[in-house]
């Protein structure tokens, strides 16, 4: 059994730490608050502190970056933290696994694969692009071993209120009320199940075939909001839910009063046109498949 350092204890980091603990590993969870799942060594630390993160990573097999700063603070918060991760990985020899996303691709036509250029011009998303490019350059120079595991929008047990399929979707569905939507109900979208995201991170950290390139989390066929709602309602033995899309001008008007709402304009393209992620490369390489969708939706409802 090895030592694993999980930085961040949000919706992915918590699943990841619990999976590692269940396999008998020593797990150190690093957050600003010092919170984490039972059984882990919980440490409160500033992730941007290179010396402290290096100290905590000593003797570790894998260092996982599951941090998720506020979107509006990405250009400020990410660069010093990214530098600390690289320094810790280089000093200790731990495999560096980044939890990534699809934002750096920008608007695309057709399914997203890992070989697409990171073409987004959004300053926030360019920060994520540079994080991976710096890690890859260090890997190719032989200074570290690194990989990035990219997921689409999360759903599943433990999803936060930032999840489009979280409580804002589930509470009205369970209550038989109309579900308010920020985005159109009938545009196909890939969703990544949180336990599958955590499993992909573990696989990528343990298998040298994963290092030196990015991967997409095994995820099911794209589903629209309406299809998700209908399948969840069927699992509950209820009729298909009603849905209502909030007009975009109303959402834009609320932007100045909420940083999260204000950020929606940056990702609007992901929901007004099909947003499809191809995860077949990871599935072929490592012989894994996404959790069957009805099983994942039932677990989400039961959580």
Protein backbone atom coordinates (compact mmCIF):
# COMPACT_ATOMS: atom_id res chain seq x y z
CA UNK A 1 0.00 0.00 0.00
CA UNK A 2 1.25 3.49 -0.77
CA UNK A 3 0.94 7.08 0.31
CA UNK A 4 -1.35 9.36 -1.66
CA UNK A 5 -1.69 13.12 -1.21
CA UNK A 6 -5.09 14.51 -2.24
CA UNK A 7 -5.19 18.30 -2.38
CA UNK A 8 -8.77 19.51 -2.20
CA UNK A 9 -11.71 17.86 -0.48
CA UNK A 10 -14.61 18.98 -2.59
CA UNK A 11 -16.93 16.85 -4.68
CA UNK A 12 -14.08 14.95 -6.41
CA UNK A 13 -11.40 15.00 -3.72
CA UNK A 14 -13.72 13.44 -1.16
CA UNK A 15 -14.66 10.55 -3.47
CA UNK A 16 -11.01 10.07 -4.38
CA UNK A 17 -9.79 9.98 -0.77
CA UNK A 18 -12.49 7.52 0.27
CA UNK A 19 -11.70 5.17 -2.62
CA UNK A 20 -8.01 5.23 -1.77
CA UNK A 21 -8.71 4.62 1.92
CA UNK A 22 -10.96 1.68 1.09
CA UNK A 23 -7.98 0.08 -0.68
CA UNK A 24 -5.75 0.39 2.36
CA UNK A 25 -3.63 3.35 1.27
CA UNK A 26 -2.29 6.07 3.51
CA UNK A 27 -4.15 9.20 2.42
CA UNK A 28 -3.20 12.77 3.28
CA UNK A 29 -5.90 15.33 2.46
CA UNK A 30 -4.69 18.91 2.21
CA UNK A 31 -7.12 21.85 2.32
CA UNK A 32 -7.19 25.37 3.67
CA UNK A 33 -9.71 24.34 6.31
CA UNK A 34 -8.19 21.01 7.32
CA UNK A 35 -11.40 19.15 6.51
CA UNK A 36 -11.54 15.73 4.90
CA UNK A 37 -13.11 12.27 5.15
CA UNK A 38 -12.69 10.08 8.21
CA UNK A 39 -9.61 7.88 8.09
CA UNK A 40 -7.47 10.37 6.19
CA UNK A 41 -4.68 12.46 7.66
CA UNK A 42 -6.22 15.93 7.41
CA UNK A 43 -3.91 18.91 7.08
CA UNK A 44 -4.73 22.61 6.93
CA UNK A 45 -2.21 24.32 4.65
CA UNK A 46 -1.78 27.01 2.02
CA UNK A 47 -1.49 25.03 -1.20
CA UNK A 48 0.55 27.84 -2.76
CA UNK A 49 3.28 27.30 -0.16
CA UNK A 50 5.86 25.28 -2.12
CA UNK A 51 7.87 24.23 0.91
CA UNK A 52 4.85 23.08 2.89
CA UNK A 53 3.29 21.16 -0.01
CA UNK A 54 6.66 19.51 -0.72
CA UNK A 55 6.98 18.52 2.94
CA UNK A 56 3.52 16.94 2.91
CA UNK A 57 4.25 15.09 -0.34
CA UNK A 58 7.50 13.49 0.84
CA UNK A 59 7.29 9.71 0.41
CA UNK A 60 4.07 9.88 -1.62
CA UNK A 61 3.45 7.75 -4.67
CA UNK A 62 0.91 10.15 -6.18
CA UNK A 63 0.03 13.83 -5.73
CA UNK A 64 -3.50 14.71 -6.90
CA UNK A 65 -4.55 18.25 -7.75
CA UNK A 66 -8.30 18.39 -7.01
CA UNK A 67 -8.37 22.04 -6.01
CA UNK A 68 -11.24 24.18 -7.32
CA UNK A 69 -10.88 27.91 -6.67
CA UNK A 70 -13.74 30.26 -7.43
CA UNK A 71 -14.02 30.70 -11.19
CA UNK A 72 -13.63 34.46 -11.01
CA UNK A 73 -10.35 34.02 -9.11
CA UNK A 74 -8.68 31.53 -11.46
CA UNK A 75 -6.20 34.03 -12.94
CA UNK A 76 -5.09 35.07 -9.44
CA UNK A 77 -5.28 31.86 -7.41
CA UNK A 78 -4.14 29.20 -9.87
CA UNK A 79 -0.61 30.29 -10.91
CA UNK A 80 1.01 30.15 -7.44
CA UNK A 81 -0.76 26.88 -6.59
CA UNK A 82 0.22 25.33 -9.93
CA UNK A 83 3.84 26.31 -9.32
CA UNK A 84 3.72 24.70 -5.87
CA UNK A 85 2.38 21.44 -7.30
CA UNK A 86 5.15 21.28 -9.89
CA UNK A 87 7.79 22.02 -7.26
CA UNK A 88 6.44 19.35 -4.90
CA UNK A 89 6.23 16.73 -7.67
CA UNK A 90 9.78 17.47 -8.83
CA UNK A 91 11.27 17.46 -5.34
CA UNK A 92 9.57 14.24 -4.18
CA UNK A 93 9.17 12.14 -7.32
CA UNK A 94 5.43 11.70 -6.74
CA UNK A 95 3.36 11.21 -9.89
CA UNK A 96 1.42 14.42 -10.49
CA UNK A 97 -2.22 13.92 -11.50
CA UNK A 98 -4.22 17.01 -12.42
CA UNK A 99 -7.99 17.00 -12.40
CA UNK A 100 -8.79 18.95 -15.55
CA UNK A 101 -11.85 20.06 -17.47
CA UNK A 102 -12.98 20.77 -21.01
CA UNK A 103 -12.91 24.56 -20.90
CA UNK A 104 -9.49 24.94 -22.59
CA UNK A 105 -10.84 23.42 -25.82
CA UNK A 106 -13.22 26.33 -26.30
CA UNK A 107 -16.19 25.99 -28.69
CA UNK A 108 -15.83 22.93 -30.91
CA UNK A 109 -17.72 21.17 -33.68
CA UNK A 110 -18.23 17.48 -33.01
CA UNK A 111 -17.10 15.27 -30.15
CA UNK A 112 -14.11 16.38 -28.08
CA UNK A 113 -11.06 14.11 -28.10
CA UNK A 114 -7.81 14.53 -26.21
CA UNK A 115 -5.87 15.51 -29.34
CA UNK A 116 -7.90 18.66 -29.97
CA UNK A 117 -5.96 21.92 -29.66
CA UNK A 118 -6.50 23.90 -26.47
CA UNK A 119 -7.90 26.81 -28.44
CA UNK A 120 -9.96 28.75 -25.92
CA UNK A 121 -9.12 32.46 -25.83
CA UNK A 122 -10.93 33.10 -22.54
CA UNK A 123 -8.31 34.40 -20.06
CA UNK A 124 -9.66 32.20 -17.25
CA UNK A 125 -9.49 29.07 -19.35
CA UNK A 126 -6.04 29.95 -20.69
CA UNK A 127 -4.83 29.65 -17.10
CA UNK A 128 -5.87 26.00 -17.09
CA UNK A 129 -4.22 25.50 -20.47
CA UNK A 130 -0.93 26.85 -19.14
CA UNK A 131 -1.13 24.62 -16.07
CA UNK A 132 -1.22 21.52 -18.24
CA UNK A 133 1.35 22.81 -20.72
CA UNK A 134 3.79 23.57 -17.89
CA UNK A 135 3.24 20.14 -16.34
CA UNK A 136 3.68 18.44 -19.71
CA UNK A 137 6.87 20.38 -20.41
CA UNK A 138 8.27 19.29 -17.05
CA UNK A 139 7.29 15.70 -17.79
CA UNK A 140 8.91 15.75 -21.22
CA UNK A 141 12.06 17.25 -19.69
CA UNK A 142 12.22 14.30 -17.29
CA UNK A 143 11.72 16.46 -14.21
CA UNK A 144 8.36 14.98 -13.17
CA UNK A 145 5.83 12.33 -14.19
CA UNK A 146 2.46 13.90 -14.94
CA UNK A 147 -0.93 13.36 -16.49
CA UNK A 148 -4.21 15.26 -16.66
CA UNK A 149 -7.65 13.65 -16.35
CA UNK A 150 -10.39 15.82 -17.88
CA UNK A 151 -14.05 15.55 -16.95
CA UNK A 152 -17.24 17.12 -18.17
CA UNK A 153 -19.88 18.53 -15.78
CA UNK A 154 -20.19 16.50 -12.59
CA UNK A 155 -23.17 14.66 -11.18
CA UNK A 156 -23.60 12.01 -8.53
CA UNK A 157 -23.55 11.61 -4.75
CA UNK A 158 -21.78 14.52 -3.12
CA UNK A 159 -22.29 16.95 -6.01
CA UNK A 160 -22.32 20.53 -4.77
CA UNK A 161 -24.80 23.28 -5.54
CA UNK A 162 -22.53 24.22 -8.47
CA UNK A 163 -23.64 21.04 -10.24
CA UNK A 164 -26.37 21.54 -12.82
CA UNK A 165 -27.75 18.15 -11.75
CA UNK A 166 -27.42 18.91 -8.03
CA UNK A 167 -30.04 20.08 -5.57
CA UNK A 168 -31.40 22.81 -7.82
CA UNK A 169 -32.42 20.05 -10.22
CA UNK A 170 -33.15 17.23 -7.77
CA UNK A 171 -35.27 19.04 -5.18
CA UNK A 172 -38.02 20.18 -7.56
CA UNK A 173 -37.87 16.83 -9.39
CA UNK A 174 -38.47 14.92 -6.16
CA UNK A 175 -41.23 17.31 -5.14
CA UNK A 176 -43.02 17.07 -8.48
CA UNK A 177 -42.48 20.77 -9.18
CA UNK A 178 -41.33 22.45 -12.36
CA UNK A 179 -37.54 22.36 -12.69
CA UNK A 180 -36.03 25.77 -13.48
CA UNK A 181 -33.20 25.59 -16.00
CA UNK A 182 -30.50 28.08 -16.86
CA UNK A 183 -29.93 26.35 -20.20
CA UNK A 184 -32.10 24.77 -22.93
CA UNK A 185 -33.70 21.46 -21.97
CA UNK A 186 -33.05 19.59 -25.19
CA UNK A 187 -29.36 20.04 -26.09
CA UNK A 188 -27.18 16.89 -25.71
CA UNK A 189 -24.47 17.21 -23.06
CA UNK A 190 -21.88 14.81 -21.64
CA UNK A 191 -22.03 14.30 -17.85
CA UNK A 192 -19.24 12.78 -15.73
CA UNK A 193 -20.23 10.66 -12.73
CA UNK A 194 -18.22 11.59 -9.64
CA UNK A 195 -17.19 8.04 -8.62
CA UNK A 196 -16.00 7.46 -12.21
CA UNK A 197 -13.96 10.66 -12.06
CA UNK A 198 -12.25 9.51 -8.86
CA UNK A 199 -11.59 6.05 -10.32
CA UNK A 200 -10.03 7.55 -13.43
CA UNK A 201 -7.68 9.66 -11.31
CA UNK A 202 -6.53 6.58 -9.38
CA UNK A 203 -6.00 4.61 -12.59
CA UNK A 204 -4.01 7.42 -14.21
CA UNK A 205 -1.79 7.85 -11.19
CA UNK A 206 -0.95 4.16 -10.90
CA UNK A 207 -0.33 3.23 -14.55
CA UNK A 208 2.70 4.60 -16.34
CA UNK A 209 0.89 4.27 -19.67
CA UNK A 210 -1.24 7.23 -18.57
CA UNK A 211 1.67 9.59 -17.94
CA UNK A 212 2.69 12.29 -20.37
CA UNK A 213 -0.70 12.94 -21.94
CA UNK A 214 -4.26 13.98 -21.06
CA UNK A 215 -7.23 11.64 -20.77
CA UNK A 216 -11.01 11.96 -20.68
CA UNK A 217 -12.95 10.42 -17.80
CA UNK A 218 -15.07 7.45 -18.92
CA UNK A 219 -18.49 9.03 -19.33
CA UNK A 220 -21.79 7.81 -20.76
CA UNK A 221 -23.64 8.88 -23.86
CA UNK A 222 -24.66 12.55 -23.86
CA UNK A 223 -28.08 13.28 -22.39
CA UNK A 224 -30.22 16.40 -22.43
CA UNK A 225 -31.61 17.89 -19.23
CA UNK A 226 -35.01 16.56 -20.27
CA UNK A 227 -33.69 13.04 -20.81
CA UNK A 228 -31.97 13.07 -17.41
CA UNK A 229 -35.15 14.28 -15.74
CA UNK A 230 -37.29 11.68 -17.48
CA UNK A 231 -34.96 8.83 -16.51
CA UNK A 232 -34.75 10.01 -12.92
CA UNK A 233 -38.53 10.37 -12.72
CA UNK A 234 -38.97 6.86 -14.09
CA UNK A 235 -36.63 5.54 -11.38
CA UNK A 236 -38.85 7.27 -8.82
CA UNK A 237 -41.99 5.88 -10.44
CA UNK A 238 -43.21 9.34 -11.36
CA UNK A 239 -44.30 11.08 -14.56
CA UNK A 240 -41.82 13.08 -16.60
CA UNK A 241 -41.02 16.38 -14.91
CA UNK A 242 -41.93 19.79 -16.25
CA UNK A 243 -39.07 22.16 -17.06
CA UNK A 244 -38.80 25.89 -17.54
CA UNK A 245 -35.85 27.75 -19.04
CA UNK A 246 -35.11 31.07 -17.40
CA UNK A 247 -34.71 33.69 -20.17
CA UNK A 248 -31.09 34.61 -20.81
CA UNK A 249 -31.66 38.39 -20.36
CA UNK A 250 -32.93 37.68 -16.84
CA UNK A 251 -29.81 35.64 -16.05
CA UNK A 252 -27.51 38.33 -17.43
CA UNK A 253 -29.28 40.97 -15.37
CA UNK A 254 -28.55 38.96 -12.21
CA UNK A 255 -24.85 38.62 -13.06
CA UNK A 256 -23.61 41.66 -11.11
CA UNK A 257 -25.19 40.28 -7.93
CA UNK A 258 -23.63 36.78 -8.03
CA UNK A 259 -20.15 35.83 -9.17
CA UNK A 260 -21.40 32.36 -10.21
CA UNK A 261 -24.19 33.77 -12.36
CA UNK A 262 -21.77 36.31 -13.77
CA UNK A 263 -19.50 33.49 -14.92
CA UNK A 264 -22.24 31.74 -16.91
CA UNK A 265 -21.61 33.86 -19.99
CA UNK A 266 -18.17 32.23 -20.31
CA UNK A 267 -19.65 28.73 -20.60
CA UNK A 268 -22.88 29.45 -22.45
CA UNK A 269 -21.56 27.85 -25.64
CA UNK A 270 -21.33 24.52 -23.78
CA UNK A 271 -25.11 24.35 -23.37
CA UNK A 272 -26.63 26.08 -26.38
CA UNK A 273 -25.00 23.59 -28.78
CA UNK A 274 -24.21 19.86 -28.33
CA UNK A 275 -21.32 19.43 -25.89
CA UNK A 276 -20.02 15.91 -26.35
CA UNK A 277 -16.88 14.37 -24.87
CA UNK A 278 -15.35 11.22 -26.37
CA UNK A 279 -13.80 9.08 -23.62
CA UNK A 280 -13.16 5.99 -25.72
CA UNK A 281 -9.35 6.34 -25.56
CA UNK A 282 -9.26 5.87 -21.78
CA UNK A 283 -11.79 3.05 -21.94
CA UNK A 284 -9.75 1.16 -24.55
CA UNK A 285 -6.40 1.74 -22.89
CA UNK A 286 -7.39 0.72 -19.37
CA UNK A 287 -10.31 -1.62 -19.97
CA UNK A 288 -12.86 0.39 -18.02
CA UNK A 289 -16.34 1.68 -18.78
CA UNK A 290 -18.52 4.36 -17.24
CA UNK A 291 -21.04 3.34 -14.61
CA UNK A 292 -24.34 2.45 -16.36
CA UNK A 293 -26.42 5.61 -16.46
CA UNK A 294 -29.48 4.30 -14.61
CA UNK A 295 -27.25 2.93 -11.84
CA UNK A 296 -25.52 6.30 -11.58
CA UNK A 297 -28.79 8.24 -11.59
CA UNK A 298 -30.27 5.97 -8.92
CA UNK A 299 -27.23 6.47 -6.70
CA UNK A 300 -27.58 10.21 -7.22
CA UNK A 301 -31.22 10.12 -6.18
CA UNK A 302 -30.48 7.91 -3.18
CA UNK A 303 -27.62 10.03 -1.85
